[in-house]
Amino acid sequence: MLDKIVTWEKLMLRSSRIFFVALLVILFVQSLPAGASGVKKNGDLWINFTDNADDKSRRMPELRMSTSSTPGSQTTLINYRIFACRKIPVLYNQSEYSRLEVPDCGFTADPGNPTLPVRTIFLEFPPNHDYAVNLGEMKTCMIENISVLPSRPAPPETAEPAFPINRQIYQNNAYFPAGRILSVKIVKLRQRRLLEIRLTPVRFHPLRREVEFAYEIDLLVTFMAVGGE
């Protein structure tokens, strides 16, 4: 009986040792730095723009539209409101960057340029009309001590070789991009003509290491009647 007790104690002691050794191995592997061209996420946080944005149900942005018409023209007011964005620290090529994510936004994908969240809006394009798109009122705030992650030709999870960063942008003493509206163009979807508007809430100043974040944006889109196409 005593031999069984001693054997059981030895098994428990051996199991404890194996557990602690495995734990130390896991901690050691997690502490290893990423390679020169590797990307490592170091944890993330939410930046809230409203008091109740901690509620996850309030993190999804709102897009509201209202349209008014007069003889020969139609105006749509678009209000885009962001309650929170996710800031993800990333170590790339031995430098610290941040990736800003907005729940309903995609991203720009120009390799070497800052990765910007992009919201794409589509409007029905009336036949025999021209258009004008203008920025209205905005509410902004500053995010300091941040360098926006450059876009890569492959997803961040892959271990691709390092690529050149666009120094003209990252060493420029100016905001990038210059405006919020990235592009406006007419696209066709089956038999429908749509106006595609791509805008970003982010303007990045590389030398100041700051972002001017527009958490509420108004757009005015006017369609004006013209002669035959």
Protein backbone atom coordinates (compact mmCIF):
# COMPACT_ATOMS: atom_id res chain seq x y z
CA MET A 1 0.00 0.00 0.00
CA LEU A 2 2.84 2.35 0.87
CA ASP A 3 4.51 1.54 -2.45
CA LYS A 4 1.31 2.54 -4.30
CA ILE A 5 1.15 5.86 -2.44
CA VAL A 6 4.81 6.59 -3.22
CA THR A 7 4.28 5.68 -6.90
CA TRP A 8 1.19 7.94 -7.10
CA GLU A 9 3.14 10.85 -5.58
CA LYS A 10 5.94 10.32 -8.10
CA LEU A 11 3.43 10.38 -10.99
CA MET A 12 1.85 13.60 -9.69
CA LEU A 13 5.29 15.20 -9.31
CA ARG A 14 6.29 14.14 -12.83
CA SER A 15 3.02 15.47 -14.29
CA SER A 16 3.54 18.80 -12.53
CA ARG A 17 7.06 19.07 -13.94
CA ILE A 18 5.84 18.28 -17.49
CA PHE A 19 3.09 20.91 -17.15
CA PHE A 20 5.49 23.66 -16.03
CA VAL A 21 8.05 22.77 -18.71
CA ALA A 22 5.32 22.95 -21.40
CA LEU A 23 4.15 26.29 -20.00
CA LEU A 24 7.67 27.71 -20.12
CA VAL A 25 8.08 26.55 -23.73
CA ILE A 26 4.82 28.26 -24.75
CA LEU A 27 5.82 31.51 -23.05
CA PHE A 28 9.26 31.39 -24.65
CA VAL A 29 7.85 30.85 -28.16
CA GLN A 30 5.36 33.71 -27.73
CA SER A 31 8.15 36.03 -26.62
CA LEU A 32 10.27 35.44 -29.72
CA PRO A 33 10.49 38.54 -31.96
CA ALA A 34 9.08 38.46 -35.48
CA GLY A 35 11.53 38.22 -38.37
CA ALA A 36 12.71 41.26 -40.30
CA SER A 37 9.84 40.94 -42.76
CA GLY A 38 7.35 39.36 -40.36
CA VAL A 39 4.25 40.99 -38.91
CA LYS A 40 3.31 40.54 -35.28
CA LYS A 41 0.13 41.81 -33.63
CA ASN A 42 0.74 42.99 -30.08
CA GLY A 43 -2.85 43.39 -28.91
CA ASP A 44 -5.47 45.93 -29.85
CA LEU A 45 -7.91 48.42 -28.37
CA TRP A 46 -11.08 50.27 -29.31
CA ILE A 47 -11.10 54.05 -29.67
CA ASN A 48 -14.57 55.31 -28.79
CA PHE A 49 -16.06 58.48 -30.25
CA THR A 50 -19.27 58.40 -28.18
CA ASP A 51 -19.95 57.69 -24.52
CA ASN A 52 -21.92 54.52 -25.20
CA ALA A 53 -19.58 53.01 -27.81
CA ASP A 54 -18.35 50.48 -25.22
CA ASP A 55 -21.63 48.69 -25.94
CA LYS A 56 -20.70 46.40 -28.84
CA SER A 57 -24.08 47.02 -30.45
CA ARG A 58 -23.04 50.66 -30.92
CA ARG A 59 -19.79 49.90 -32.70
CA MET A 60 -21.42 49.43 -36.12
CA PRO A 61 -21.44 52.79 -37.97
CA GLU A 62 -24.65 54.39 -39.21
CA LEU A 63 -25.31 55.53 -42.76
CA ARG A 64 -28.38 57.71 -43.25
CA MET A 65 -29.70 59.28 -46.45
CA SER A 66 -32.37 61.86 -47.16
CA THR A 67 -33.34 63.07 -50.63
CA SER A 68 -35.02 66.27 -51.79
CA SER A 69 -36.01 67.25 -55.32
CA THR A 70 -36.54 70.48 -57.21
CA PRO A 71 -37.35 70.93 -60.90
CA GLY A 72 -34.31 69.68 -62.79
CA SER A 73 -32.27 68.48 -59.79
CA GLN A 74 -32.18 65.96 -56.98
CA THR A 75 -30.03 66.30 -53.85
CA THR A 76 -29.16 63.49 -51.44
CA LEU A 77 -27.70 64.24 -48.03
CA ILE A 78 -25.60 61.37 -46.74
CA ASN A 79 -24.67 61.28 -43.04
CA TYR A 80 -22.02 58.72 -42.09
CA ARG A 81 -21.37 58.33 -38.37
CA ILE A 82 -18.68 56.15 -36.76
CA PHE A 83 -19.00 55.27 -33.06
CA ALA A 84 -15.68 53.50 -32.58
CA CYS A 85 -12.66 52.21 -34.45
CA ARG A 86 -10.25 49.43 -33.64
CA LYS A 87 -6.57 50.28 -33.31
CA ILE A 88 -4.34 47.24 -33.85
CA PRO A 89 -0.61 47.64 -33.06
CA VAL A 90 1.54 45.83 -35.63
CA LEU A 91 5.28 45.21 -35.74
CA TYR A 92 6.42 45.19 -39.35
CA ASN A 93 10.02 45.12 -40.56
CA GLN A 94 11.20 45.96 -37.00
CA SER A 95 9.09 49.15 -36.90
CA GLU A 96 5.89 49.81 -34.95
CA TYR A 97 2.73 50.72 -36.85
CA SER A 98 -1.01 50.72 -36.24
CA ARG A 99 -3.88 49.47 -38.34
CA LEU A 100 -7.18 51.35 -37.94
CA GLU A 101 -10.28 49.25 -38.57
CA VAL A 102 -13.88 50.46 -38.89
CA PRO A 103 -16.45 47.62 -38.79
CA ASP A 104 -18.16 48.30 -42.14
CA CYS A 105 -15.12 49.59 -44.05
CA GLY A 106 -12.74 47.97 -46.49
CA PHE A 107 -9.16 49.14 -47.03
CA THR A 108 -6.99 50.79 -49.63
CA ALA A 109 -4.51 48.38 -51.16
CA ASP A 110 -1.76 50.41 -52.82
CA PRO A 111 1.48 48.63 -51.78
CA GLY A 112 3.74 50.88 -49.75
CA ASN A 113 1.05 53.50 -49.11
CA PRO A 114 -0.74 53.92 -45.76
CA THR A 115 -3.58 51.43 -45.23
CA LEU A 116 -6.74 53.52 -45.00
CA PRO A 117 -10.23 52.35 -44.03
CA VAL A 118 -12.60 53.02 -46.95
CA ARG A 119 -16.40 53.25 -47.01
CA THR A 120 -17.94 52.74 -50.45
CA ILE A 121 -21.39 54.22 -51.10
CA PHE A 122 -23.58 53.53 -54.12
CA LEU A 123 -26.39 55.76 -55.37
CA GLU A 124 -28.82 55.14 -58.22
CA PHE A 125 -27.80 57.35 -61.14
CA PRO A 126 -30.83 58.94 -62.85
CA PRO A 127 -30.71 58.88 -66.66
CA ASN A 128 -29.93 62.14 -68.48
CA HIS A 129 -28.32 63.68 -65.39
CA ASP A 130 -24.91 64.98 -64.40
CA TYR A 131 -23.63 64.90 -60.81
CA ALA A 132 -21.70 66.86 -58.18
CA VAL A 133 -20.34 65.47 -54.90
CA ASN A 134 -19.32 67.80 -52.08
CA LEU A 135 -18.26 67.40 -48.48
CA GLY A 136 -20.51 68.97 -45.89
CA GLU A 137 -19.99 69.28 -42.16
CA MET A 138 -17.62 66.97 -40.31
CA LYS A 139 -16.78 66.11 -36.72
CA THR A 140 -13.13 65.16 -36.18
CA CYS A 141 -10.71 64.21 -33.44
CA MET A 142 -6.95 63.66 -33.30
CA ILE A 143 -5.26 60.32 -32.64
CA GLU A 144 -1.68 61.00 -31.58
CA ASN A 145 1.52 58.95 -31.49
CA ILE A 146 0.52 56.70 -34.36
CA SER A 147 2.09 55.58 -37.62
CA VAL A 148 -0.37 53.99 -40.05
CA LEU A 149 0.59 50.55 -41.36
CA PRO A 150 1.67 50.51 -45.03
CA SER A 151 -0.33 48.29 -47.35
CA ARG A 152 1.27 45.03 -48.38
CA PRO A 153 0.83 43.04 -51.60
CA ALA A 154 -0.15 39.99 -49.52
CA PRO A 155 -2.29 39.56 -46.36
CA PRO A 156 -0.49 40.47 -43.10
CA GLU A 157 -0.58 36.84 -41.89
CA THR A 158 1.77 35.67 -44.64
CA ALA A 159 5.53 35.89 -44.33
CA GLU A 160 6.31 37.79 -47.52
CA PRO A 161 9.65 39.51 -48.17
CA ALA A 162 9.95 43.14 -47.15
CA PHE A 163 8.90 45.68 -49.77
CA PRO A 164 9.68 49.39 -50.20
CA ILE A 165 7.54 51.86 -48.27
CA ASN A 166 6.44 54.94 -50.20
CA ARG A 167 8.92 57.45 -48.77
CA GLN A 168 7.30 60.33 -50.63
CA ILE A 169 4.29 59.85 -48.36
CA TYR A 170 5.93 58.68 -45.13
CA GLN A 171 8.51 61.49 -45.15
CA ASN A 172 6.16 64.21 -46.35
CA ASN A 173 5.18 67.06 -44.02
CA ALA A 174 1.52 66.94 -45.03
CA TYR A 175 -1.66 64.97 -44.48
CA PHE A 176 -2.37 61.93 -46.62
CA PRO A 177 -4.73 61.84 -48.37
CA ALA A 178 -5.39 65.51 -49.06
CA GLY A 179 -9.17 65.01 -48.97
CA ARG A 180 -11.75 62.56 -47.64
CA ILE A 181 -13.22 61.61 -51.02
CA LEU A 182 -10.87 59.13 -52.66
CA SER A 183 -12.78 58.59 -55.89
CA VAL A 184 -16.14 59.12 -57.59
CA LYS A 185 -17.13 57.22 -60.72
CA ILE A 186 -20.05 55.76 -62.61
CA VAL A 187 -20.35 51.96 -62.57
CA LYS A 188 -22.80 49.59 -64.21
CA LEU A 189 -24.52 46.73 -62.39
CA ARG A 190 -26.52 44.67 -64.88
CA GLN A 191 -28.90 47.22 -66.40
CA ARG A 192 -28.43 49.82 -63.67
CA ARG A 193 -26.10 52.80 -63.56
CA LEU A 194 -24.74 53.63 -60.12
CA LEU A 195 -22.60 56.40 -58.72
CA GLU A 196 -19.76 54.89 -56.65
CA ILE A 197 -18.28 57.13 -53.94
CA ARG A 198 -15.25 55.99 -51.94
CA LEU A 199 -14.36 58.00 -48.85
CA THR A 200 -12.07 57.58 -45.86
CA PRO A 201 -12.41 58.92 -42.31
CA VAL A 202 -8.60 58.93 -41.92
CA ARG A 203 -6.03 61.57 -42.80
CA PHE A 204 -2.52 60.60 -41.71
CA HIS A 205 0.35 63.04 -41.01
CA PRO A 206 3.56 60.91 -41.05
CA LEU A 207 6.01 63.42 -39.56
CA ARG A 208 3.69 64.44 -36.73
CA ARG A 209 2.69 60.80 -36.20
CA GLU A 210 -0.96 61.69 -35.90
CA VAL A 211 -4.29 60.91 -37.54
CA GLU A 212 -7.16 63.31 -38.06
CA PHE A 213 -10.16 60.98 -37.75
CA ALA A 214 -13.54 62.14 -39.05
CA TYR A 215 -16.09 60.19 -37.01
CA GLU A 216 -19.06 61.98 -38.61
CA ILE A 217 -19.15 63.03 -42.26
CA ASP A 218 -21.85 64.72 -44.34
CA LEU A 219 -21.86 64.33 -48.12
CA LEU A 220 -24.04 66.27 -50.54
CA VAL A 221 -24.70 64.51 -53.84
CA THR A 222 -26.60 66.50 -56.46
CA PHE A 223 -27.92 65.13 -59.75
CA MET A 224 -28.66 67.80 -62.36
CA ALA A 225 -30.82 67.17 -65.41
CA VAL A 226 -29.06 67.64 -68.75
CA GLY A 227 -29.94 67.19 -72.41
CA GLY A 228 -29.94 63.88 -74.19
CA GLU A 229 -27.00 61.55 -73.59
